[in-house]
Amino acid sequence: IDKGKFVEVRTGVIAARGDIPVIDVEGKLITP
């Protein structure tokens, strides 16, 4: 997420850039 919008959605890991917080939801379900 960047500036309130989805900018990348995919399977696998998205590499963090700089000091962007990364939150591991531990397999939980995410919905809109």
PDB file of all heavy atoms in Angstrom:
ATOM      1  N   ILE A   1       0.844  -1.183   0.000  1.00  0.00           N
ATOM      2  CA  ILE A   1       0.000   0.000   0.000  1.00  0.00           C
ATOM      3  C   ILE A   1       0.886   1.241   0.000  1.00  0.00           C
ATOM      4  O   ILE A   1       1.886   1.291   0.718  1.00  0.00           O
ATOM      5  CB  ILE A   1      -0.920   0.011   1.239  1.00  0.00           C
ATOM      6  CG1 ILE A   1      -1.870  -1.191   1.214  1.00  0.00           C
ATOM      7  CG2 ILE A   1      -1.695   1.320   1.341  1.00  0.00           C
ATOM      8  CD1 ILE A   1      -2.629  -1.409   2.505  1.00  0.00           C
ATOM      9  N   ASP A   2       0.515   2.213  -0.804  1.00  0.00           N
ATOM     10  CA  ASP A   2       1.261   3.466  -0.822  1.00  0.00           C
ATOM     11  C   ASP A   2       0.288   4.612  -1.018  1.00  0.00           C
ATOM     12  O   ASP A   2      -0.530   4.594  -1.946  1.00  0.00           O
ATOM     13  CB  ASP A   2       2.302   3.462  -1.942  1.00  0.00           C
ATOM     14  CG  ASP A   2       3.201   4.695  -1.904  1.00  0.00           C
ATOM     15  OD1 ASP A   2       3.754   4.989  -0.836  1.00  0.00           O
ATOM     16  OD2 ASP A   2       3.307   5.364  -2.946  1.00  0.00           O
ATOM     17  N   LYS A   3       0.357   5.590  -0.113  1.00  0.00           N
ATOM     18  CA  LYS A   3      -0.501   6.772  -0.179  1.00  0.00           C
ATOM     19  C   LYS A   3      -1.983   6.421  -0.312  1.00  0.00           C
ATOM     20  O   LYS A   3      -2.725   7.011  -1.092  1.00  0.00           O
ATOM     21  CB  LYS A   3      -0.071   7.686  -1.324  1.00  0.00           C
ATOM     22  CG  LYS A   3       1.318   8.284  -1.130  1.00  0.00           C
ATOM     23  CD  LYS A   3       1.698   9.199  -2.274  1.00  0.00           C
ATOM     24  CE  LYS A   3       3.011   9.922  -1.992  1.00  0.00           C
ATOM     25  NZ  LYS A   3       4.140   8.989  -1.766  1.00  0.00           N
ATOM     26  N   GLY A   4      -2.393   5.413   0.459  1.00  0.00           N
ATOM     27  CA  GLY A   4      -3.802   5.063   0.532  1.00  0.00           C
ATOM     28  C   GLY A   4      -4.333   4.233  -0.612  1.00  0.00           C
ATOM     29  O   GLY A   4      -5.547   3.996  -0.700  1.00  0.00           O
ATOM     30  N   LYS A   5      -3.459   3.755  -1.506  1.00  0.00           N
ATOM     31  CA  LYS A   5      -3.890   2.939  -2.640  1.00  0.00           C
ATOM     32  C   LYS A   5      -3.123   1.621  -2.669  1.00  0.00           C
ATOM     33  O   LYS A   5      -1.997   1.521  -2.180  1.00  0.00           O
ATOM     34  CB  LYS A   5      -3.646   3.684  -3.965  1.00  0.00           C
ATOM     35  CG  LYS A   5      -4.415   4.985  -4.126  1.00  0.00           C
ATOM     36  CD  LYS A   5      -5.893   4.743  -4.353  1.00  0.00           C
ATOM     37  CE  LYS A   5      -6.652   6.017  -4.668  1.00  0.00           C
ATOM     38  NZ  LYS A   5      -6.331   6.545  -6.007  1.00  0.00           N
ATOM     39  N   PHE A   6      -3.754   0.601  -3.258  1.00  0.00           N
ATOM     40  CA  PHE A   6      -3.044  -0.647  -3.497  1.00  0.00           C
ATOM     41  C   PHE A   6      -2.105  -0.437  -4.680  1.00  0.00           C
ATOM     42  O   PHE A   6      -2.525  -0.007  -5.753  1.00  0.00           O
ATOM     43  CB  PHE A   6      -4.029  -1.772  -3.834  1.00  0.00           C
ATOM     44  CG  PHE A   6      -4.964  -2.141  -2.719  1.00  0.00           C
ATOM     45  CD1 PHE A   6      -6.330  -1.970  -2.857  1.00  0.00           C
ATOM     46  CD2 PHE A   6      -4.481  -2.659  -1.528  1.00  0.00           C
ATOM     47  CE1 PHE A   6      -7.199  -2.315  -1.845  1.00  0.00           C
ATOM     48  CE2 PHE A   6      -5.341  -3.001  -0.492  1.00  0.00           C
ATOM     49  CZ  PHE A   6      -6.705  -2.833  -0.653  1.00  0.00           C
ATOM     50  N   VAL A   7      -0.827  -0.737  -4.489  1.00  0.00           N
ATOM     51  CA  VAL A   7       0.137  -0.568  -5.580  1.00  0.00           C
ATOM     52  C   VAL A   7       0.744  -1.894  -6.027  1.00  0.00           C
ATOM     53  O   VAL A   7       1.350  -1.969  -7.098  1.00  0.00           O
ATOM     54  CB  VAL A   7       1.254   0.422  -5.191  1.00  0.00           C
ATOM     55  CG1 VAL A   7       0.694   1.818  -5.011  1.00  0.00           C
ATOM     56  CG2 VAL A   7       1.994  -0.040  -3.943  1.00  0.00           C
ATOM     57  N   GLU A   8       0.547  -2.935  -5.227  1.00  0.00           N
ATOM     58  CA  GLU A   8       1.052  -4.256  -5.620  1.00  0.00           C
ATOM     59  C   GLU A   8       0.284  -5.317  -4.843  1.00  0.00           C
ATOM     60  O   GLU A   8       0.150  -5.233  -3.620  1.00  0.00           O
ATOM     61  CB  GLU A   8       2.557  -4.365  -5.331  1.00  0.00           C
ATOM     62  CG  GLU A   8       3.222  -5.536  -6.014  1.00  0.00           C
ATOM     63  CD  GLU A   8       4.734  -5.507  -5.883  1.00  0.00           C
ATOM     64  OE1 GLU A   8       5.267  -4.531  -5.304  1.00  0.00           O
ATOM     65  OE2 GLU A   8       5.389  -6.466  -6.362  1.00  0.00           O
ATOM     66  N   VAL A   9      -0.235  -6.306  -5.566  1.00  0.00           N
ATOM     67  CA  VAL A   9      -0.984  -7.404  -4.952  1.00  0.00           C
ATOM     68  C   VAL A   9      -0.596  -8.676  -5.691  1.00  0.00           C
ATOM     69  O   VAL A   9      -0.851  -8.810  -6.894  1.00  0.00           O
ATOM     70  CB  VAL A   9      -2.508  -7.184  -5.068  1.00  0.00           C
ATOM     71  CG1 VAL A   9      -3.250  -8.352  -4.409  1.00  0.00           C
ATOM     72  CG2 VAL A   9      -2.930  -5.864  -4.464  1.00  0.00           C
ATOM     73  N   ARG A  10       0.026  -9.620  -4.988  1.00  0.00           N
ATOM     74  CA  ARG A  10       0.443 -10.850  -5.673  1.00  0.00           C
ATOM     75  C   ARG A  10       0.811 -11.920  -4.657  1.00  0.00           C
ATOM     76  O   ARG A  10       0.977 -11.655  -3.463  1.00  0.00           O
ATOM     77  CB  ARG A  10       1.628 -10.575  -6.578  1.00  0.00           C
ATOM     78  CG  ARG A  10       2.903 -10.117  -5.888  1.00  0.00           C
ATOM     79  CD  ARG A  10       4.017  -9.927  -6.898  1.00  0.00           C
ATOM     80  NE  ARG A  10       5.260  -9.446  -6.319  1.00  0.00           N
ATOM     81  CZ  ARG A  10       6.174 -10.223  -5.754  1.00  0.00           C
ATOM     82  NH1 ARG A  10       5.963 -11.532  -5.652  1.00  0.00           N
ATOM     83  NH2 ARG A  10       7.288  -9.703  -5.262  1.00  0.00           N
ATOM     84  N   THR A  11       0.941 -13.146  -5.155  1.00  0.00           N
ATOM     85  CA  THR A  11       1.416 -14.231  -4.302  1.00  0.00           C
ATOM     86  C   THR A  11       2.917 -14.067  -4.072  1.00  0.00           C
ATOM     87  O   THR A  11       3.624 -13.422  -4.862  1.00  0.00           O
ATOM     88  CB  THR A  11       1.153 -15.597  -4.961  1.00  0.00           C
ATOM     89  OG1 THR A  11       1.765 -15.629  -6.253  1.00  0.00           O
ATOM     90  CG2 THR A  11      -0.339 -15.845  -5.109  1.00  0.00           C
ATOM     91  N   GLY A  12       3.381 -14.641  -2.979  1.00  0.00           N
ATOM     92  CA  GLY A  12       4.793 -14.552  -2.663  1.00  0.00           C
ATOM     93  C   GLY A  12       5.126 -13.337  -1.819  1.00  0.00           C
ATOM     94  O   GLY A  12       4.247 -12.660  -1.287  1.00  0.00           O
ATOM     95  N   VAL A  13       6.396 -13.047  -1.720  1.00  0.00           N
ATOM     96  CA  VAL A  13       6.904 -11.983  -0.862  1.00  0.00           C
ATOM     97  C   VAL A  13       7.194 -10.735  -1.689  1.00  0.00           C
ATOM     98  O   VAL A  13       7.742 -10.828  -2.791  1.00  0.00           O
ATOM     99  CB  VAL A  13       8.182 -12.429  -0.129  1.00  0.00           C
ATOM    100  CG1 VAL A  13       8.756 -11.294   0.703  1.00  0.00           C
ATOM    101  CG2 VAL A  13       7.887 -13.648   0.744  1.00  0.00           C
ATOM    102  N   ILE A  14       6.795  -9.591  -1.160  1.00  0.00           N
ATOM    103  CA  ILE A  14       7.142  -8.308  -1.767  1.00  0.00           C
ATOM    104  C   ILE A  14       8.297  -7.728  -0.964  1.00  0.00           C
ATOM    105  O   ILE A  14       8.194  -7.527   0.248  1.00  0.00           O
ATOM    106  CB  ILE A  14       5.946  -7.345  -1.760  1.00  0.00           C
ATOM    107  CG1 ILE A  14       4.814  -7.898  -2.636  1.00  0.00           C
ATOM    108  CG2 ILE A  14       6.358  -5.954  -2.251  1.00  0.00           C
ATOM    109  CD1 ILE A  14       3.546  -7.062  -2.612  1.00  0.00           C
ATOM    110  N   ALA A  15       9.386  -7.458  -1.646  1.00  0.00           N
ATOM    111  CA  ALA A  15      10.577  -6.953  -0.955  1.00  0.00           C
ATOM    112  C   ALA A  15      10.327  -5.547  -0.418  1.00  0.00           C
ATOM    113  O   ALA A  15       9.786  -4.687  -1.121  1.00  0.00           O
ATOM    114  CB  ALA A  15      11.763  -6.934  -1.915  1.00  0.00           C
ATOM    115  N   ALA A  16      10.691  -5.349   0.829  1.00  0.00           N
ATOM    116  CA  ALA A  16      10.522  -4.038   1.461  1.00  0.00           C
ATOM    117  C   ALA A  16      11.580  -3.066   0.939  1.00  0.00           C
ATOM    118  O   ALA A  16      12.727  -3.442   0.701  1.00  0.00           O
ATOM    119  CB  ALA A  16      10.640  -4.171   2.975  1.00  0.00           C
ATOM    120  N   ARG A  17      11.178  -1.840   0.784  1.00  0.00           N
ATOM    121  CA  ARG A  17      12.099  -0.798   0.313  1.00  0.00           C
ATOM    122  C   ARG A  17      12.244   0.248   1.404  1.00  0.00           C
ATOM    123  O   ARG A  17      11.256   0.803   1.878  1.00  0.00           O
ATOM    124  CB  ARG A  17      11.558  -0.169  -0.965  1.00  0.00           C
ATOM    125  CG  ARG A  17      11.321  -1.163  -2.090  1.00  0.00           C
ATOM    126  CD  ARG A  17      10.598  -0.526  -3.264  1.00  0.00           C
ATOM    127  NE  ARG A  17      10.265  -1.503  -4.296  1.00  0.00           N
ATOM    128  CZ  ARG A  17       9.537  -1.236  -5.375  1.00  0.00           C
ATOM    129  NH1 ARG A  17       9.079  -0.004  -5.555  1.00  0.00           N
ATOM    130  NH2 ARG A  17       9.281  -2.179  -6.260  1.00  0.00           N
ATOM    131  N   GLY A  18      13.475   0.523   1.758  1.00  0.00           N
ATOM    132  CA  GLY A  18      13.705   1.515   2.794  1.00  0.00           C
ATOM    133  C   GLY A  18      13.139   1.066   4.130  1.00  0.00           C
ATOM    134  O   GLY A  18      13.290  -0.091   4.538  1.00  0.00           O
ATOM    135  N   ASP A  19      12.451   1.977   4.793  1.00  0.00           N
ATOM    136  CA  ASP A  19      11.920   1.670   6.117  1.00  0.00           C
ATOM    137  C   ASP A  19      10.420   1.430   6.093  1.00  0.00           C
ATOM    138  O   ASP A  19       9.714   1.692   7.066  1.00  0.00           O
ATOM    139  CB  ASP A  19      12.248   2.809   7.086  1.00  0.00           C
ATOM    140  CG  ASP A  19      11.699   4.151   6.602  1.00  0.00           C
ATOM    141  OD1 ASP A  19      11.188   4.200   5.463  1.00  0.00           O
ATOM    142  OD2 ASP A  19      11.778   5.129   7.371  1.00  0.00           O
ATOM    143  N   ILE A  20       9.899   0.926   4.971  1.00  0.00           N
ATOM    144  CA  ILE A  20       8.469   0.629   4.877  1.00  0.00           C
ATOM    145  C   ILE A  20       8.118  -0.471   5.887  1.00  0.00           C
ATOM    146  O   ILE A  20       8.772  -1.529   5.918  1.00  0.00           O
ATOM    147  CB  ILE A  20       8.093   0.162   3.461  1.00  0.00           C
ATOM    148  CG1 ILE A  20       8.316   1.285   2.444  1.00  0.00           C
ATOM    149  CG2 ILE A  20       6.636  -0.288   3.411  1.00  0.00           C
ATOM    150  CD1 ILE A  20       8.029   0.874   1.017  1.00  0.00           C
ATOM    151  N   PRO A  21       7.113  -0.257   6.739  1.00  0.00           N
ATOM    152  CA  PRO A  21       6.719  -1.303   7.686  1.00  0.00           C
ATOM    153  C   PRO A  21       6.242  -2.559   6.965  1.00  0.00           C
ATOM    154  O   PRO A  21       5.518  -2.476   5.970  1.00  0.00           O
ATOM    155  CB  PRO A  21       5.567  -0.646   8.467  1.00  0.00           C
ATOM    156  CG  PRO A  21       5.720   0.818   8.242  1.00  0.00           C
ATOM    157  CD  PRO A  21       6.313   0.970   6.886  1.00  0.00           C
ATOM    158  N   VAL A  22       6.663  -3.717   7.446  1.00  0.00           N
ATOM    159  CA  VAL A  22       6.217  -5.000   6.912  1.00  0.00           C
ATOM    160  C   VAL A  22       5.485  -5.737   8.028  1.00  0.00           C
ATOM    161  O   VAL A  22       6.053  -5.968   9.103  1.00  0.00           O
ATOM    162  CB  VAL A  22       7.399  -5.840   6.393  1.00  0.00           C
ATOM    163  CG1 VAL A  22       6.889  -7.191   5.886  1.00  0.00           C
ATOM    164  CG2 VAL A  22       8.144  -5.097   5.292  1.00  0.00           C
ATOM    165  N   ILE A  23       4.230  -6.099   7.776  1.00  0.00           N
ATOM    166  CA  ILE A  23       3.408  -6.751   8.795  1.00  0.00           C
ATOM    167  C   ILE A  23       3.097  -8.169   8.358  1.00  0.00           C
ATOM    168  O   ILE A  23       2.481  -8.381   7.307  1.00  0.00           O
ATOM    169  CB  ILE A  23       2.104  -5.970   9.022  1.00  0.00           C
ATOM    170  CG1 ILE A  23       2.428  -4.543   9.463  1.00  0.00           C
ATOM    171  CG2 ILE A  23       1.220  -6.661  10.047  1.00  0.00           C
ATOM    172  CD1 ILE A  23       1.242  -3.628   9.439  1.00  0.00           C
ATOM    173  N   ASP A  24       3.536  -9.132   9.138  1.00  0.00           N
ATOM    174  CA  ASP A  24       3.243 -10.544   8.873  1.00  0.00           C
ATOM    175  C   ASP A  24       1.890 -10.864   9.518  1.00  0.00           C
ATOM    176  O   ASP A  24       1.761 -10.838  10.739  1.00  0.00           O
ATOM    177  CB  ASP A  24       4.344 -11.418   9.472  1.00  0.00           C
ATOM    178  CG  ASP A  24       4.168 -12.901   9.137  1.00  0.00           C
ATOM    179  OD1 ASP A  24       3.093 -13.282   8.628  1.00  0.00           O
ATOM    180  OD2 ASP A  24       5.103 -13.687   9.401  1.00  0.00           O
ATOM    181  N   VAL A  25       0.897 -11.164   8.697  1.00  0.00           N
ATOM    182  CA  VAL A  25      -0.440 -11.440   9.246  1.00  0.00           C
ATOM    183  C   VAL A  25      -0.611 -12.904   9.612  1.00  0.00           C
ATOM    184  O   VAL A  25      -1.692 -13.335  10.003  1.00  0.00           O
ATOM    185  CB  VAL A  25      -1.555 -10.989   8.281  1.00  0.00           C
ATOM    186  CG1 VAL A  25      -1.457  -9.506   8.002  1.00  0.00           C
ATOM    187  CG2 VAL A  25      -1.510 -11.784   6.978  1.00  0.00           C
ATOM    188  N   GLU A  26       0.461 -13.674   9.444  1.00  0.00           N
ATOM    189  CA  GLU A  26       0.511 -15.063   9.934  1.00  0.00           C
ATOM    190  C   GLU A  26      -0.581 -15.932   9.323  1.00  0.00           C
ATOM    191  O   GLU A  26      -1.246 -16.699  10.018  1.00  0.00           O
ATOM    192  CB  GLU A  26       0.424 -15.075  11.465  1.00  0.00           C
ATOM    193  CG  GLU A  26       1.553 -14.299  12.131  1.00  0.00           C
ATOM    194  CD  GLU A  26       1.408 -14.250  13.639  1.00  0.00           C
ATOM    195  OE1 GLU A  26       0.314 -14.556  14.138  1.00  0.00           O
ATOM    196  OE2 GLU A  26       2.397 -13.909  14.305  1.00  0.00           O
ATOM    197  N   GLY A  27      -0.760 -15.803   8.012  1.00  0.00           N
ATOM    198  CA  GLY A  27      -1.698 -16.668   7.306  1.00  0.00           C
ATOM    199  C   GLY A  27      -3.152 -16.284   7.408  1.00  0.00           C
ATOM    200  O   GLY A  27      -4.027 -17.004   6.891  1.00  0.00           O
ATOM    201  N   LYS A  28      -3.447 -15.171   8.055  1.00  0.00           N
ATOM    202  CA  LYS A  28      -4.846 -14.781   8.234  1.00  0.00           C
ATOM    203  C   LYS A  28      -5.498 -14.369   6.915  1.00  0.00           C
ATOM    204  O   LYS A  28      -4.836 -14.047   5.937  1.00  0.00           O
ATOM    205  CB  LYS A  28      -4.942 -13.641   9.245  1.00  0.00           C
ATOM    206  CG  LYS A  28      -4.597 -14.052  10.666  1.00  0.00           C
ATOM    207  CD  LYS A  28      -4.654 -12.867  11.616  1.00  0.00           C
ATOM    208  CE  LYS A  28      -4.288 -13.295  13.037  1.00  0.00           C
ATOM    209  NZ  LYS A  28      -4.245 -12.138  13.974  1.00  0.00           N
ATOM    210  N   LEU A  29      -6.816 -14.376   6.938  1.00  0.00           N
ATOM    211  CA  LEU A  29      -7.603 -14.001   5.773  1.00  0.00           C
ATOM    212  C   LEU A  29      -7.700 -12.486   5.655  1.00  0.00           C
ATOM    213  O   LEU A  29      -7.956 -11.792   6.637  1.00  0.00           O
ATOM    214  CB  LEU A  29      -9.013 -14.593   5.883  1.00  0.00           C
ATOM    215  CG  LEU A  29     -10.033 -14.147   4.823  1.00  0.00           C
ATOM    216  CD1 LEU A  29      -9.621 -14.643   3.449  1.00  0.00           C
ATOM    217  CD2 LEU A  29     -11.426 -14.649   5.192  1.00  0.00           C
ATOM    218  N   ILE A  30      -7.490 -11.979   4.442  1.00  0.00           N
ATOM    219  CA  ILE A  30      -7.687 -10.558   4.149  1.00  0.00           C
ATOM    220  C   ILE A  30      -8.745 -10.437   3.059  1.00  0.00           C
ATOM    221  O   ILE A  30      -8.686 -11.131   2.042  1.00  0.00           O
ATOM    222  CB  ILE A  30      -6.381  -9.884   3.684  1.00  0.00           C
ATOM    223  CG1 ILE A  30      -5.374  -9.813   4.831  1.00  0.00           C
ATOM    224  CG2 ILE A  30      -6.646  -8.491   3.140  1.00  0.00           C
ATOM    225  CD1 ILE A  30      -4.053  -9.159   4.451  1.00  0.00           C
ATOM    226  N   THR A  31      -9.707  -9.557   3.284  1.00  0.00           N
ATOM    227  CA  THR A  31     -10.738  -9.290   2.288  1.00  0.00           C
ATOM    228  C   THR A  31     -10.789  -7.786   2.026  1.00  0.00           C
ATOM    229  O   THR A  31     -10.258  -6.992   2.811  1.00  0.00           O
ATOM    230  CB  THR A  31     -12.132  -9.731   2.773  1.00  0.00           C
ATOM    231  OG1 THR A  31     -12.574  -8.858   3.838  1.00  0.00           O
ATOM    232  CG2 THR A  31     -12.125 -11.166   3.253  1.00  0.00           C
ATOM    233  N   PRO A  32     -11.440  -7.383   0.933  1.00  0.00           N
ATOM    234  CA  PRO A  32     -11.686  -5.948   0.769  1.00  0.00           C
ATOM    235  C   PRO A  32     -12.555  -5.439   1.913  1.00  0.00           C
ATOM    236  O   PRO A  32     -13.300  -6.213   2.538  1.00  0.00           O
ATOM    237  CB  PRO A  32     -12.449  -5.876  -0.564  1.00  0.00           C
ATOM    238  CG  PRO A  32     -12.212  -7.186  -1.232  1.00  0.00           C
ATOM    239  CD  PRO A  32     -12.016  -8.183  -0.154  1.00  0.00           C
TER     240      PRO A  32
END
